[in-house]
C-alpha cells in the first residue's frame, strides 16, 4: 500500500480541496510569515498558498510524497526547499523559524510529543505555530469507532491514527494555544499557537 498512498492521497484530497479544505488551508498558510518550516509537506498541497513567507523549508519523510511535492514547487513565488527527514529529529539550528505550518500530518508522526519539542526548539520565541489536524471525536460512539478502525487505518494510510488527540498533545507542550476553530462537527481543528 505504501507506494500507492501518495496518488491515492491526492485523489482523495482533490474533492475536499475544492471545498472548505482549500479555504482553511489558504487562511492558515497565509498567516505564516518570514522563514517557515512546513512539517510533513506531503504532496505539496500547501505550496501555492504561501504568500507572506520569505522562504519555506518543508520536511517530508516519505520519498514518494516528496517526489510528487517537487512537481508542485514549479511556479511558486516563494523559495521552497524539501528535506527528506522526520519531525522528531529536525536538521535545523535552534531559533531558526518565524512560523511553522503542519496540516493533516500529526496523525502520522510516530512520536508526536518529540516532534512538538523539536518544533519548539527550531522556532524563534513568539513564532507562530499553525496546525490543521483531524482529531479523536469526543462523542462516545464515534470516538470508539475511531479507536477500533485505527489499527487497520494506520496500515493502509501511511501510519495515520484516526484517534489521535493532537490538541491535547499541543496543550501538554510548552506552546501557547491562542485560537482553535472547529470544522466538520469537530473532527477537524485549525489551531493557532505561539512558541512562548
Protein backbone atom coordinates (compact mmCIF):
# COMPACT_ATOMS: atom_id res chain seq x y z
CA UNK A 1 0.00 0.00 0.00
CA UNK A 2 2.92 2.37 0.76
CA UNK A 3 3.89 3.03 -2.86
CA UNK A 4 0.27 3.74 -3.84
CA UNK A 5 -0.57 6.03 -0.92
CA UNK A 6 0.68 9.34 -2.41
CA UNK A 7 -1.50 9.04 -5.52
CA UNK A 8 -4.48 7.79 -3.50
CA UNK A 9 -3.95 10.68 -1.09
CA UNK A 10 -4.05 13.23 -3.90
CA UNK A 11 -7.18 11.64 -5.39
CA UNK A 12 -8.94 11.55 -2.02
CA UNK A 13 -8.00 15.16 -1.26
CA UNK A 14 -8.97 16.57 -4.66
CA UNK A 15 -12.72 16.90 -3.92
CA UNK A 16 -12.01 18.19 -0.42
CA UNK A 17 -9.57 20.79 -1.73
CA UNK A 18 -12.32 22.20 -3.94
CA UNK A 19 -14.49 22.85 -0.90
CA UNK A 20 -13.82 24.20 2.57
CA UNK A 21 -10.44 22.46 2.94
CA UNK A 22 -8.84 24.79 0.40
CA UNK A 23 -10.16 27.86 2.24
CA UNK A 24 -8.98 26.51 5.61
CA UNK A 25 -5.51 25.72 4.25
CA UNK A 26 -5.22 29.07 2.48
CA UNK A 27 -6.26 31.04 5.56
CA UNK A 28 -3.86 29.11 7.78
CA UNK A 29 -0.87 29.16 5.43
CA UNK A 30 -1.32 32.88 4.70
CA UNK A 31 -0.61 33.55 8.40
CA UNK A 32 2.87 32.08 8.04
CA UNK A 33 5.47 34.83 7.70
CA UNK A 34 9.23 35.09 7.42
CA UNK A 35 11.19 31.86 7.26
CA UNK A 36 8.69 29.00 7.52
CA UNK A 37 9.06 25.35 8.47
CA UNK A 38 6.37 23.12 6.98
CA UNK A 39 6.16 19.81 8.83
CA UNK A 40 5.03 16.89 6.67
CA UNK A 41 4.53 18.72 3.40
CA UNK A 42 3.13 15.56 1.79
CA UNK A 43 2.45 16.08 -1.89
CA UNK A 44 2.87 19.86 -1.59
CA UNK A 45 -0.79 20.91 -1.48
CA UNK A 46 0.08 23.92 0.71
CA UNK A 47 2.81 25.26 -1.56
CA UNK A 48 0.60 27.51 -3.74
CA UNK A 49 -0.89 29.17 -0.64
CA UNK A 50 2.32 30.71 0.72
CA UNK A 51 2.04 34.45 0.13
CA UNK A 52 3.68 36.07 3.16
CA UNK A 53 6.70 33.83 3.69
CA UNK A 54 10.22 34.71 2.58
CA UNK A 55 11.38 31.08 2.46
CA UNK A 56 9.83 27.66 3.17
CA UNK A 57 11.81 24.69 4.45
CA UNK A 58 9.50 21.70 4.05
CA UNK A 59 10.14 18.31 5.59
CA UNK A 60 8.64 15.06 4.29
CA UNK A 61 9.96 11.61 5.27
CA UNK A 62 8.06 9.70 2.57
CA UNK A 63 10.18 9.77 -0.65
CA UNK A 64 7.14 9.16 -2.87
CA UNK A 65 5.25 12.06 -1.34
CA UNK A 66 8.35 14.23 -1.71
CA UNK A 67 8.60 13.28 -5.38
CA UNK A 68 5.03 14.48 -6.01
CA UNK A 69 5.66 17.66 -3.99
CA UNK A 70 8.61 18.60 -6.22
CA UNK A 71 6.15 18.98 -9.12
CA UNK A 72 4.04 21.42 -7.07
CA UNK A 73 7.07 23.62 -6.40
CA UNK A 74 7.13 24.68 -10.04
CA UNK A 75 5.74 28.18 -10.38
CA UNK A 76 5.63 29.05 -6.68
CA UNK A 77 6.76 32.58 -5.96
CA UNK A 78 8.32 31.71 -2.59
CA UNK A 79 11.59 29.71 -2.49
CA UNK A 80 10.84 26.21 -1.17
CA UNK A 81 13.35 23.52 -0.19
CA UNK A 82 12.20 19.98 0.67
CA UNK A 83 14.16 17.80 3.08
CA UNK A 84 13.54 14.07 3.45
CA UNK A 85 13.69 13.96 7.26
CA UNK A 86 11.42 13.15 10.20
CA UNK A 87 9.81 15.70 12.50
CA UNK A 88 11.30 14.05 15.58
CA UNK A 89 14.87 14.98 14.54
CA UNK A 90 14.98 18.25 12.61
CA UNK A 91 18.27 19.26 10.93
CA UNK A 92 17.93 22.94 11.82
CA UNK A 93 19.56 25.16 14.44
CA UNK A 94 17.70 26.45 17.48
CA UNK A 95 15.59 29.60 16.94
CA UNK A 96 15.61 29.37 13.13
CA UNK A 97 11.95 29.77 12.10
CA UNK A 98 9.47 32.65 12.31
CA UNK A 99 6.48 30.36 11.60
CA UNK A 100 5.68 26.65 11.45
CA UNK A 101 2.87 25.03 9.45
CA UNK A 102 1.60 21.47 9.97
CA UNK A 103 -1.51 20.31 8.12
CA UNK A 104 -3.01 16.84 8.42
CA UNK A 105 0.31 15.37 9.50
CA UNK A 106 0.38 14.95 13.28
CA UNK A 107 -1.85 11.89 12.93
CA UNK A 108 1.04 10.09 11.18
CA UNK A 109 4.06 11.16 13.25
CA UNK A 110 5.26 8.14 15.29
CA UNK A 111 6.44 10.28 18.25
CA UNK A 112 4.28 13.45 18.22
CA UNK A 113 5.48 14.73 21.61
CA UNK A 114 9.09 14.59 20.43
CA UNK A 115 8.10 16.35 17.18
CA UNK A 116 6.45 19.16 19.17
CA UNK A 117 9.63 19.55 21.23
CA UNK A 118 11.68 19.79 18.04
CA UNK A 119 9.28 22.38 16.59
CA UNK A 120 9.68 24.46 19.74
CA UNK A 121 13.47 24.11 19.59
CA UNK A 122 13.83 25.30 15.98
CA UNK A 123 11.25 28.09 16.31
CA UNK A 124 12.11 31.59 17.42
CA UNK A 125 10.48 32.95 20.58
CA UNK A 126 6.91 34.03 19.76
CA UNK A 127 6.99 32.20 16.43
CA UNK A 128 3.54 31.34 15.04
CA UNK A 129 2.83 27.61 15.05
CA UNK A 130 -0.15 26.76 12.83
CA UNK A 131 -1.93 23.41 12.71
CA UNK A 132 -4.81 21.93 10.74
CA UNK A 133 -5.46 18.42 12.02
CA UNK A 134 -8.13 15.78 12.42
CA UNK A 135 -8.63 14.51 15.96
CA UNK A 136 -10.45 11.89 18.01
CA UNK A 137 -14.07 12.89 18.47
CA UNK A 138 -15.50 13.46 21.96
CA UNK A 139 -18.73 11.61 21.14
CA UNK A 140 -18.52 8.18 22.78
CA UNK A 141 -19.70 6.04 19.84
CA UNK A 142 -17.79 7.92 17.14
CA UNK A 143 -14.63 8.14 19.24
CA UNK A 144 -14.79 4.40 19.97
CA UNK A 145 -15.30 3.73 16.25
CA UNK A 146 -12.14 5.71 15.52
CA UNK A 147 -10.31 3.62 18.16
CA UNK A 148 -11.49 0.37 16.55
CA UNK A 149 -10.61 1.46 13.00
CA UNK A 150 -7.19 2.95 13.80
CA UNK A 151 -5.02 -0.23 13.62
CA UNK A 152 -6.22 -1.10 10.11
CA UNK A 153 -6.30 2.56 9.05
CA UNK A 154 -2.64 3.00 10.13
CA UNK A 155 -1.58 0.13 7.89
CA UNK A 156 -3.42 1.41 4.83
CA UNK A 157 -2.95 5.17 5.25
CA UNK A 158 0.77 5.72 5.84
CA UNK A 159 0.59 5.49 9.65
CA UNK A 160 -2.43 7.75 10.18
CA UNK A 161 -4.03 7.48 13.65
CA UNK A 162 -7.73 8.31 13.34
CA UNK A 163 -7.99 8.61 17.11
CA UNK A 164 -5.05 10.87 17.98
CA UNK A 165 -5.92 13.80 20.25
CA UNK A 166 -3.46 16.28 18.76
CA UNK A 167 -4.99 19.29 20.52
CA UNK A 168 -4.37 17.68 23.92
CA UNK A 169 -0.77 16.88 22.91
CA UNK A 170 -0.26 20.52 21.92
CA UNK A 171 -1.77 21.72 25.21
CA UNK A 172 0.67 19.46 27.11
CA UNK A 173 3.62 21.03 25.25
CA UNK A 174 5.10 24.46 26.01
CA UNK A 175 3.23 26.03 23.08
CA UNK A 176 0.57 28.59 23.96
CA UNK A 177 -2.73 27.86 22.22
CA UNK A 178 -4.25 31.16 21.08
CA UNK A 179 -7.21 30.03 18.97
CA UNK A 180 -8.97 26.81 17.98
CA UNK A 181 -11.53 26.68 15.17
CA UNK A 182 -13.57 23.51 14.64
CA UNK A 183 -14.84 22.13 11.34
CA UNK A 184 -16.97 19.21 10.21
CA UNK A 185 -18.59 18.60 13.62
CA UNK A 186 -15.29 18.79 15.48
CA UNK A 187 -13.29 16.15 13.63
CA UNK A 188 -11.02 18.82 12.08
CA UNK A 189 -9.35 21.62 14.02
CA UNK A 190 -7.39 24.70 13.00
CA UNK A 191 -5.08 25.59 15.88
CA UNK A 192 -3.03 28.77 16.19
CA UNK A 193 -0.21 28.76 18.75
CA UNK A 194 2.79 30.78 19.83
CA UNK A 195 6.16 29.41 20.83
CA UNK A 196 6.47 31.01 24.27
